[in-house]
Amino acid sequence: MGGVQDLILDGRTGFIARPRDAVDFAEKIGLLLENVELRAKMAADALKFASTKSWGSINKNLLNDYALIISEYCRRQSELNKIDSDRLRNRIQFQPY
């Protein structure tokens, strides 16, 4: 959710190197240094992609992500509460008067 992964289309508008992998990072930098056409295409694609982004759209996506997270949390809490209620009901032995 969010961050660089949402702003870079790996291989199209840039490269995303594996975390803590200096060799992977260096290889991707090398590709860009050695290939003028690739650099130019990625730059043009990145500019086009960036023009579709705005703070409004970024905020809207962030709020949608939060809403999904909250909804999933509530659903799980509801399931846990139902399980707890079922367990409690099973423990209580009602005696008729």
N, C-alpha and C. Protein backbone atom coordinates (compact mmCIF):
# COMPACT_ATOMS: atom_id res chain seq x y z
N MET A 1 0.84 -1.17 0.00
CA MET A 1 0.00 0.00 0.00
C MET A 1 0.89 1.24 0.00
N GLY A 2 0.75 2.02 -1.05
CA GLY A 2 1.41 3.32 -1.09
C GLY A 2 2.90 3.27 -1.25
N GLY A 3 3.49 4.43 -1.34
CA GLY A 3 4.92 4.56 -1.42
C GLY A 3 5.44 4.45 -2.85
N VAL A 4 6.72 4.18 -2.95
CA VAL A 4 7.39 4.12 -4.24
C VAL A 4 6.73 3.13 -5.18
N GLN A 5 6.24 2.02 -4.67
CA GLN A 5 5.62 1.00 -5.51
C GLN A 5 4.43 1.54 -6.29
N ASP A 6 3.74 2.53 -5.75
CA ASP A 6 2.59 3.13 -6.45
C ASP A 6 3.02 4.23 -7.41
N LEU A 7 4.24 4.69 -7.30
CA LEU A 7 4.68 5.81 -8.14
C LEU A 7 5.64 5.39 -9.25
N ILE A 8 6.13 4.17 -9.18
CA ILE A 8 7.04 3.66 -10.21
C ILE A 8 6.46 2.38 -10.78
N LEU A 9 6.32 2.35 -12.09
CA LEU A 9 5.91 1.14 -12.77
C LEU A 9 7.20 0.43 -13.17
N ASP A 10 7.54 -0.61 -12.43
CA ASP A 10 8.83 -1.26 -12.58
C ASP A 10 9.08 -1.69 -14.03
N GLY A 11 10.19 -1.21 -14.58
CA GLY A 11 10.56 -1.54 -15.95
C GLY A 11 9.96 -0.62 -16.98
N ARG A 12 9.02 0.25 -16.57
CA ARG A 12 8.39 1.18 -17.53
C ARG A 12 8.71 2.63 -17.21
N THR A 13 8.50 3.03 -15.96
CA THR A 13 8.77 4.42 -15.58
C THR A 13 9.99 4.51 -14.67
N GLY A 14 10.61 3.39 -14.42
CA GLY A 14 11.79 3.32 -13.56
C GLY A 14 12.00 1.88 -13.15
N PHE A 15 12.92 1.70 -12.24
CA PHE A 15 13.19 0.37 -11.72
C PHE A 15 13.00 0.38 -10.21
N ILE A 16 12.52 -0.72 -9.69
CA ILE A 16 12.45 -0.91 -8.24
C ILE A 16 13.43 -2.03 -7.91
N ALA A 17 14.48 -1.68 -7.18
CA ALA A 17 15.48 -2.67 -6.78
C ALA A 17 14.99 -3.43 -5.55
N ARG A 18 15.45 -4.66 -5.44
CA ARG A 18 15.11 -5.44 -4.26
C ARG A 18 15.70 -4.76 -3.02
N PRO A 19 14.95 -4.75 -1.93
CA PRO A 19 15.45 -4.11 -0.70
C PRO A 19 16.78 -4.71 -0.26
N ARG A 20 17.68 -3.86 0.14
CA ARG A 20 18.99 -4.24 0.69
C ARG A 20 19.82 -5.09 -0.27
N ASP A 21 19.60 -4.89 -1.58
CA ASP A 21 20.34 -5.66 -2.58
C ASP A 21 21.13 -4.69 -3.46
N ALA A 22 22.36 -4.41 -3.03
CA ALA A 22 23.20 -3.44 -3.73
C ALA A 22 23.53 -3.90 -5.15
N VAL A 23 23.68 -5.19 -5.35
CA VAL A 23 24.00 -5.72 -6.68
C VAL A 23 22.83 -5.46 -7.63
N ASP A 24 21.62 -5.75 -7.19
CA ASP A 24 20.43 -5.50 -8.01
C ASP A 24 20.32 -4.01 -8.35
N PHE A 25 20.54 -3.17 -7.36
CA PHE A 25 20.50 -1.72 -7.56
C PHE A 25 21.54 -1.29 -8.59
N ALA A 26 22.76 -1.78 -8.45
CA ALA A 26 23.85 -1.42 -9.37
C ALA A 26 23.55 -1.90 -10.79
N GLU A 27 22.99 -3.10 -10.92
CA GLU A 27 22.67 -3.61 -12.25
C GLU A 27 21.63 -2.73 -12.95
N LYS A 28 20.65 -2.27 -12.20
CA LYS A 28 19.61 -1.43 -12.78
C LYS A 28 20.15 -0.05 -13.15
N ILE A 29 21.01 0.49 -12.34
CA ILE A 29 21.67 1.76 -12.67
C ILE A 29 22.52 1.56 -13.93
N GLY A 30 23.23 0.44 -14.00
CA GLY A 30 24.05 0.14 -15.18
C GLY A 30 23.23 0.07 -16.45
N LEU A 31 22.05 -0.54 -16.38
CA LEU A 31 21.18 -0.60 -17.55
C LEU A 31 20.84 0.79 -18.07
N LEU A 32 20.54 1.68 -17.14
CA LEU A 32 20.19 3.05 -17.54
C LEU A 32 21.39 3.81 -18.08
N LEU A 33 22.56 3.60 -17.49
CA LEU A 33 23.77 4.28 -17.96
C LEU A 33 24.17 3.82 -19.36
N GLU A 34 23.96 2.54 -19.64
CA GLU A 34 24.41 1.97 -20.91
C GLU A 34 23.42 2.14 -22.05
N ASN A 35 22.15 2.42 -21.75
CA ASN A 35 21.13 2.40 -22.78
C ASN A 35 20.40 3.74 -22.86
N VAL A 36 20.82 4.57 -23.81
CA VAL A 36 20.25 5.91 -23.98
C VAL A 36 18.76 5.82 -24.34
N GLU A 37 18.40 4.88 -25.21
CA GLU A 37 17.00 4.75 -25.64
C GLU A 37 16.10 4.36 -24.46
N LEU A 38 16.59 3.44 -23.65
CA LEU A 38 15.82 3.02 -22.47
C LEU A 38 15.61 4.20 -21.53
N ARG A 39 16.69 4.97 -21.30
CA ARG A 39 16.58 6.15 -20.42
C ARG A 39 15.54 7.12 -20.95
N ALA A 40 15.60 7.39 -22.25
CA ALA A 40 14.67 8.37 -22.85
C ALA A 40 13.23 7.86 -22.78
N LYS A 41 13.02 6.57 -23.07
CA LYS A 41 11.66 6.01 -23.02
C LYS A 41 11.12 6.03 -21.59
N MET A 42 11.95 5.62 -20.63
CA MET A 42 11.49 5.63 -19.23
C MET A 42 11.19 7.04 -18.77
N ALA A 43 12.02 8.00 -19.17
CA ALA A 43 11.79 9.39 -18.78
C ALA A 43 10.46 9.89 -19.34
N ALA A 44 10.20 9.61 -20.62
CA ALA A 44 8.96 10.05 -21.25
C ALA A 44 7.75 9.37 -20.59
N ASP A 45 7.87 8.05 -20.36
CA ASP A 45 6.77 7.32 -19.72
C ASP A 45 6.54 7.80 -18.30
N ALA A 46 7.62 8.11 -17.58
CA ALA A 46 7.50 8.59 -16.21
C ALA A 46 6.80 9.95 -16.17
N LEU A 47 7.14 10.82 -17.12
CA LEU A 47 6.51 12.14 -17.18
C LEU A 47 5.02 12.00 -17.48
N LYS A 48 4.68 11.12 -18.41
CA LYS A 48 3.27 10.90 -18.75
C LYS A 48 2.53 10.32 -17.55
N PHE A 49 3.14 9.35 -16.87
CA PHE A 49 2.51 8.72 -15.71
C PHE A 49 2.34 9.74 -14.58
N ALA A 50 3.36 10.55 -14.35
CA ALA A 50 3.30 11.55 -13.28
C ALA A 50 2.20 12.58 -13.53
N SER A 51 1.93 12.86 -14.80
CA SER A 51 0.89 13.86 -15.11
C SER A 51 -0.50 13.36 -14.73
N THR A 52 -0.65 12.06 -14.52
CA THR A 52 -1.95 11.51 -14.12
C THR A 52 -2.13 11.53 -12.60
N LYS A 53 -1.08 11.88 -11.89
CA LYS A 53 -1.13 11.89 -10.43
C LYS A 53 -1.36 13.31 -9.93
N SER A 54 -2.12 13.40 -8.86
CA SER A 54 -2.33 14.68 -8.18
C SER A 54 -2.47 14.37 -6.70
N TRP A 55 -2.33 15.39 -5.87
CA TRP A 55 -2.50 15.15 -4.44
C TRP A 55 -3.92 14.68 -4.14
N GLY A 56 -4.87 15.17 -4.93
CA GLY A 56 -6.25 14.73 -4.73
C GLY A 56 -6.42 13.25 -4.99
N SER A 57 -5.84 12.77 -6.11
CA SER A 57 -5.97 11.33 -6.41
C SER A 57 -5.17 10.49 -5.43
N ILE A 58 -4.02 10.98 -5.01
CA ILE A 58 -3.22 10.25 -4.02
C ILE A 58 -3.98 10.14 -2.70
N ASN A 59 -4.57 11.25 -2.26
CA ASN A 59 -5.35 11.24 -1.01
C ASN A 59 -6.57 10.34 -1.12
N LYS A 60 -7.24 10.38 -2.28
CA LYS A 60 -8.41 9.53 -2.48
C LYS A 60 -8.02 8.06 -2.38
N ASN A 61 -6.92 7.67 -3.03
CA ASN A 61 -6.46 6.28 -2.96
C ASN A 61 -6.07 5.90 -1.53
N LEU A 62 -5.42 6.82 -0.82
CA LEU A 62 -5.03 6.55 0.56
C LEU A 62 -6.25 6.34 1.44
N LEU A 63 -7.25 7.20 1.28
CA LEU A 63 -8.48 7.06 2.07
C LEU A 63 -9.20 5.76 1.73
N ASN A 64 -9.19 5.37 0.46
CA ASN A 64 -9.79 4.09 0.07
C ASN A 64 -9.06 2.93 0.73
N ASP A 65 -7.72 3.00 0.75
CA ASP A 65 -6.94 1.95 1.40
C ASP A 65 -7.27 1.87 2.89
N TYR A 66 -7.35 3.03 3.55
CA TYR A 66 -7.70 3.04 4.97
C TYR A 66 -9.09 2.45 5.20
N ALA A 67 -10.05 2.80 4.34
CA ALA A 67 -11.41 2.28 4.48
C ALA A 67 -11.42 0.76 4.35
N LEU A 68 -10.63 0.22 3.41
CA LEU A 68 -10.55 -1.24 3.26
C LEU A 68 -9.95 -1.89 4.50
N ILE A 69 -8.90 -1.28 5.03
CA ILE A 69 -8.25 -1.83 6.22
C ILE A 69 -9.21 -1.82 7.41
N ILE A 70 -9.91 -0.70 7.60
CA ILE A 70 -10.86 -0.59 8.72
C ILE A 70 -12.00 -1.58 8.54
N SER A 71 -12.49 -1.72 7.32
CA SER A 71 -13.57 -2.67 7.05
C SER A 71 -13.13 -4.10 7.36
N GLU A 72 -11.94 -4.46 6.93
CA GLU A 72 -11.42 -5.81 7.20
C GLU A 72 -11.22 -6.02 8.70
N TYR A 73 -10.72 -5.02 9.40
CA TYR A 73 -10.55 -5.11 10.85
C TYR A 73 -11.90 -5.34 11.53
N CYS A 74 -12.90 -4.57 11.14
CA CYS A 74 -14.22 -4.71 11.74
C CYS A 74 -14.81 -6.09 11.46
N ARG A 75 -14.63 -6.58 10.23
CA ARG A 75 -15.13 -7.91 9.89
C ARG A 75 -14.48 -8.98 10.76
N ARG A 76 -13.17 -8.87 10.93
CA ARG A 76 -12.45 -9.86 11.75
C ARG A 76 -12.87 -9.77 13.22
N GLN A 77 -13.03 -8.55 13.71
CA GLN A 77 -13.47 -8.37 15.10
C GLN A 77 -14.85 -8.97 15.30
N SER A 78 -15.72 -8.79 14.31
CA SER A 78 -17.07 -9.34 14.39
C SER A 78 -17.01 -10.86 14.44
N GLU A 79 -16.16 -11.46 13.62
CA GLU A 79 -16.00 -12.91 13.64
C GLU A 79 -15.47 -13.39 14.99
N LEU A 80 -14.48 -12.68 15.53
CA LEU A 80 -13.93 -13.06 16.83
C LEU A 80 -14.98 -12.94 17.93
N ASN A 81 -15.78 -11.88 17.89
CA ASN A 81 -16.83 -11.70 18.90
C ASN A 81 -17.86 -12.81 18.80
N LYS A 82 -18.21 -13.23 17.58
CA LYS A 82 -19.17 -14.32 17.40
C LYS A 82 -18.60 -15.61 17.97
N ILE A 83 -17.32 -15.87 17.71
CA ILE A 83 -16.68 -17.08 18.24
C ILE A 83 -16.70 -17.05 19.76
N ASP A 84 -16.36 -15.89 20.35
CA ASP A 84 -16.37 -15.77 21.81
C ASP A 84 -17.78 -15.97 22.37
N SER A 85 -18.79 -15.41 21.69
CA SER A 85 -20.17 -15.56 22.15
C SER A 85 -20.60 -17.02 22.08
N ASP A 86 -20.24 -17.71 21.00
CA ASP A 86 -20.58 -19.13 20.86
C ASP A 86 -19.92 -19.96 21.96
N ARG A 87 -18.66 -19.67 22.25
CA ARG A 87 -17.95 -20.40 23.31
C ARG A 87 -18.61 -20.18 24.66
N LEU A 88 -18.99 -18.94 24.92
CA LEU A 88 -19.63 -18.62 26.20
C LEU A 88 -20.97 -19.34 26.31
N ARG A 89 -21.76 -19.31 25.24
CA ARG A 89 -23.06 -19.99 25.25
C ARG A 89 -22.88 -21.48 25.51
N ASN A 90 -21.87 -22.07 24.92
CA ASN A 90 -21.64 -23.51 25.11
C ASN A 90 -21.19 -23.84 26.53
N ARG A 91 -20.57 -22.91 27.21
CA ARG A 91 -20.11 -23.15 28.59
C ARG A 91 -21.24 -23.05 29.60
N ILE A 92 -22.21 -22.21 29.28
CA ILE A 92 -23.30 -21.97 30.23
C ILE A 92 -24.33 -23.08 30.07
N GLN A 93 -24.62 -23.73 31.14
CA GLN A 93 -25.63 -24.79 31.17
C GLN A 93 -26.85 -24.22 31.86
N PHE A 94 -27.88 -23.96 31.09
CA PHE A 94 -29.10 -23.43 31.70
C PHE A 94 -29.90 -24.58 32.30
N GLN A 95 -30.31 -24.39 33.52
CA GLN A 95 -31.13 -25.38 34.22
C GLN A 95 -32.57 -24.87 34.24
N PRO A 96 -33.46 -25.70 33.77
CA PRO A 96 -34.88 -25.27 33.83
C PRO A 96 -35.35 -25.19 35.26
N TYR A 97 -36.27 -24.28 35.55
CA TYR A 97 -36.80 -24.13 36.91
C TYR A 97 -37.81 -25.17 37.21
